[in-house]
N, C-alpha and C. Protein backbone atom coordinates (compact mmCIF):
# COMPACT_ATOMS: atom_id res chain seq x y z
N MET A 1 2.96 -8.12 -16.01
CA MET A 1 2.61 -9.08 -14.98
C MET A 1 1.70 -8.41 -13.95
N SER A 2 0.61 -9.05 -13.62
CA SER A 2 -0.35 -8.50 -12.67
C SER A 2 -0.30 -9.29 -11.37
N THR A 3 -0.34 -8.59 -10.27
CA THR A 3 -0.33 -9.22 -8.96
C THR A 3 -1.75 -9.26 -8.43
N LYS A 4 -2.19 -10.42 -8.00
CA LYS A 4 -3.52 -10.55 -7.41
C LYS A 4 -3.39 -10.23 -5.93
N ILE A 5 -4.07 -9.17 -5.49
CA ILE A 5 -3.98 -8.72 -4.11
C ILE A 5 -5.29 -8.98 -3.40
N ASN A 6 -5.20 -9.59 -2.23
CA ASN A 6 -6.36 -9.81 -1.39
C ASN A 6 -6.42 -8.67 -0.37
N PRO A 7 -7.44 -7.80 -0.44
CA PRO A 7 -7.48 -6.65 0.47
C PRO A 7 -7.52 -7.04 1.94
N LYS A 8 -8.02 -8.25 2.25
CA LYS A 8 -8.09 -8.69 3.65
C LYS A 8 -6.70 -9.02 4.19
N LYS A 9 -5.72 -9.21 3.32
CA LYS A 9 -4.36 -9.57 3.76
C LYS A 9 -3.37 -8.42 3.59
N LEU A 10 -3.87 -7.21 3.37
CA LEU A 10 -2.98 -6.07 3.14
C LEU A 10 -2.32 -5.53 4.41
N LEU A 11 -3.02 -5.60 5.54
CA LEU A 11 -2.48 -5.00 6.76
C LEU A 11 -1.11 -5.59 7.09
N LEU A 12 -0.15 -4.71 7.31
CA LEU A 12 1.25 -5.02 7.63
C LEU A 12 2.02 -5.64 6.47
N SER A 13 1.45 -5.59 5.26
CA SER A 13 2.20 -6.08 4.10
C SER A 13 3.26 -5.06 3.71
N LYS A 14 4.32 -5.53 3.06
CA LYS A 14 5.47 -4.70 2.69
C LYS A 14 5.47 -4.44 1.20
N TRP A 15 5.85 -3.20 0.81
CA TRP A 15 5.84 -2.79 -0.59
C TRP A 15 7.08 -1.98 -0.90
N THR A 16 7.54 -2.08 -2.14
CA THR A 16 8.67 -1.31 -2.62
C THR A 16 8.21 -0.39 -3.75
N ALA A 17 8.55 0.88 -3.63
CA ALA A 17 8.25 1.83 -4.70
C ALA A 17 9.24 1.60 -5.84
N VAL A 18 8.74 1.49 -7.06
CA VAL A 18 9.60 1.28 -8.22
C VAL A 18 10.45 2.52 -8.48
N ALA A 19 9.86 3.70 -8.29
CA ALA A 19 10.58 4.96 -8.49
C ALA A 19 10.54 5.74 -7.16
N PRO A 20 11.47 5.45 -6.25
CA PRO A 20 11.46 6.11 -4.93
C PRO A 20 11.63 7.62 -5.04
N ARG A 21 10.96 8.32 -4.10
CA ARG A 21 11.10 9.77 -3.99
C ARG A 21 11.44 10.11 -2.55
N ASN A 22 12.29 11.09 -2.35
CA ASN A 22 12.70 11.53 -1.00
C ASN A 22 13.25 10.38 -0.16
N LYS A 23 14.00 9.49 -0.78
CA LYS A 23 14.60 8.32 -0.12
C LYS A 23 13.55 7.36 0.42
N GLU A 24 12.29 7.52 -0.01
CA GLU A 24 11.22 6.64 0.43
C GLU A 24 11.05 5.52 -0.59
N LYS A 25 11.61 4.38 -0.27
CA LYS A 25 11.56 3.23 -1.17
C LYS A 25 10.72 2.10 -0.58
N HIS A 26 10.89 1.83 0.70
CA HIS A 26 10.19 0.74 1.36
C HIS A 26 9.02 1.26 2.19
N PHE A 27 7.89 0.56 2.07
CA PHE A 27 6.66 0.97 2.74
C PHE A 27 5.99 -0.23 3.40
N ILE A 28 5.18 0.06 4.40
CA ILE A 28 4.39 -0.97 5.06
C ILE A 28 2.96 -0.45 5.20
N VAL A 29 1.99 -1.31 4.97
CA VAL A 29 0.58 -0.93 5.13
C VAL A 29 0.29 -0.93 6.63
N THR A 30 0.02 0.24 7.19
CA THR A 30 -0.18 0.36 8.63
C THR A 30 -1.64 0.43 9.04
N LYS A 31 -2.52 0.72 8.07
CA LYS A 31 -3.94 0.84 8.42
C LYS A 31 -4.80 0.60 7.20
N LEU A 32 -5.92 -0.10 7.42
CA LEU A 32 -6.96 -0.23 6.41
C LEU A 32 -8.02 0.79 6.77
N LEU A 33 -8.32 1.70 5.88
CA LEU A 33 -9.31 2.75 6.15
C LEU A 33 -10.68 2.21 5.77
N LEU A 34 -11.32 1.59 6.75
CA LEU A 34 -12.60 0.94 6.50
C LEU A 34 -13.70 1.97 6.30
N PRO A 35 -14.63 1.71 5.37
CA PRO A 35 -15.72 2.65 5.11
C PRO A 35 -16.69 2.70 6.29
N GLU A 36 -17.39 3.81 6.42
CA GLU A 36 -18.36 3.97 7.50
C GLU A 36 -19.53 3.01 7.34
N ASN A 37 -19.86 2.69 6.10
CA ASN A 37 -20.96 1.78 5.80
C ASN A 37 -20.35 0.37 5.66
N PRO A 38 -20.50 -0.50 6.67
CA PRO A 38 -19.80 -1.79 6.68
C PRO A 38 -19.93 -2.66 5.42
N PRO A 39 -21.07 -2.72 4.75
CA PRO A 39 -21.10 -3.58 3.56
C PRO A 39 -20.28 -3.03 2.39
N THR A 40 -19.89 -1.76 2.46
CA THR A 40 -19.10 -1.15 1.40
C THR A 40 -17.68 -1.72 1.45
N PRO A 41 -17.13 -2.10 0.30
CA PRO A 41 -15.78 -2.69 0.31
C PRO A 41 -14.69 -1.67 0.64
N LEU A 42 -13.58 -2.18 1.11
CA LEU A 42 -12.39 -1.38 1.41
C LEU A 42 -11.93 -0.65 0.15
N GLU A 43 -11.59 0.63 0.30
CA GLU A 43 -11.08 1.39 -0.84
C GLU A 43 -9.71 1.97 -0.59
N PHE A 44 -9.44 2.44 0.65
CA PHE A 44 -8.20 3.17 0.92
C PHE A 44 -7.38 2.50 2.03
N ILE A 45 -6.07 2.71 1.94
CA ILE A 45 -5.13 2.22 2.94
C ILE A 45 -4.17 3.34 3.31
N GLU A 46 -3.48 3.14 4.44
CA GLU A 46 -2.38 4.04 4.81
C GLU A 46 -1.08 3.27 4.64
N LEU A 47 -0.18 3.86 3.89
CA LEU A 47 1.16 3.31 3.69
C LEU A 47 2.14 4.19 4.44
N GLU A 48 3.00 3.58 5.24
CA GLU A 48 4.01 4.35 5.96
C GLU A 48 5.38 4.06 5.38
N ALA A 49 6.10 5.12 5.07
CA ALA A 49 7.47 4.99 4.57
C ALA A 49 8.36 4.56 5.72
N VAL A 50 9.15 3.52 5.53
CA VAL A 50 10.02 3.01 6.58
C VAL A 50 11.09 4.03 6.95
N TYR A 51 11.65 4.70 5.95
CA TYR A 51 12.75 5.65 6.17
C TYR A 51 12.30 6.91 6.91
N SER A 52 11.23 7.54 6.43
CA SER A 52 10.83 8.84 6.97
C SER A 52 9.65 8.78 7.94
N LYS A 53 8.97 7.64 7.99
CA LYS A 53 7.75 7.46 8.80
C LYS A 53 6.58 8.30 8.29
N ARG A 54 6.74 8.90 7.11
CA ARG A 54 5.66 9.68 6.53
C ARG A 54 4.55 8.74 6.06
N VAL A 55 3.30 9.16 6.25
CA VAL A 55 2.14 8.33 5.90
C VAL A 55 1.49 8.86 4.64
N HIS A 56 1.15 7.94 3.75
CA HIS A 56 0.47 8.25 2.51
C HIS A 56 -0.84 7.47 2.48
N VAL A 57 -1.93 8.14 2.09
CA VAL A 57 -3.22 7.48 1.91
C VAL A 57 -3.43 7.29 0.42
N LEU A 58 -3.76 6.07 0.03
CA LEU A 58 -4.03 5.83 -1.38
C LEU A 58 -5.00 4.68 -1.54
N PRO A 59 -5.65 4.60 -2.70
CA PRO A 59 -6.55 3.47 -2.95
C PRO A 59 -5.72 2.18 -2.97
N TRP A 60 -6.20 1.14 -2.31
CA TRP A 60 -5.40 -0.09 -2.24
C TRP A 60 -5.18 -0.69 -3.62
N ARG A 61 -6.08 -0.44 -4.55
CA ARG A 61 -5.92 -0.98 -5.90
C ARG A 61 -4.72 -0.37 -6.64
N ALA A 62 -4.22 0.77 -6.16
CA ALA A 62 -3.03 1.38 -6.76
C ALA A 62 -1.83 0.45 -6.63
N LEU A 63 -1.85 -0.45 -5.64
CA LEU A 63 -0.74 -1.38 -5.46
C LEU A 63 -0.68 -2.42 -6.58
N ASN A 64 -1.74 -2.53 -7.36
CA ASN A 64 -1.74 -3.44 -8.52
C ASN A 64 -0.90 -2.90 -9.67
N ASP A 65 -0.54 -1.62 -9.62
CA ASP A 65 0.23 -0.99 -10.69
C ASP A 65 1.70 -1.40 -10.56
N THR A 66 2.10 -2.39 -11.35
CA THR A 66 3.47 -2.91 -11.26
C THR A 66 4.52 -1.91 -11.75
N ALA A 67 4.08 -0.85 -12.42
CA ALA A 67 5.02 0.20 -12.83
C ALA A 67 5.37 1.10 -11.65
N ALA A 68 4.56 1.05 -10.58
CA ALA A 68 4.79 1.90 -9.41
C ALA A 68 5.14 1.12 -8.15
N TRP A 69 4.60 -0.09 -8.00
CA TRP A 69 4.76 -0.85 -6.75
C TRP A 69 5.14 -2.30 -7.01
N ARG A 70 5.97 -2.84 -6.10
CA ARG A 70 6.28 -4.26 -6.10
C ARG A 70 6.05 -4.80 -4.70
N PRO A 71 5.45 -5.99 -4.59
CA PRO A 71 5.23 -6.56 -3.25
C PRO A 71 6.56 -6.96 -2.61
N GLY A 72 6.65 -6.82 -1.31
CA GLY A 72 7.87 -7.15 -0.58
C GLY A 72 8.86 -6.00 -0.63
N TRP A 73 10.02 -6.21 0.01
CA TRP A 73 11.08 -5.20 0.01
C TRP A 73 12.21 -5.71 -0.85
N HIS A 74 12.57 -4.91 -1.86
CA HIS A 74 13.62 -5.29 -2.81
C HIS A 74 14.75 -4.30 -2.76
């Protein structure tokens, strides 16, 4: 099953890691890392772990991987 993600609606969206590590299961998108060249599309986001507050930078398209991420908190 593939999830259609709109990058413009990612900010403050909630995600669950399918295979949590270091008790980090629930995440929230805290920042869209916009490119310096405005016409260039968004590529990276910052995800913050709710439990540890640790921040991870990853390509937003990685959230399409249903083997790693699920939308919402489960």
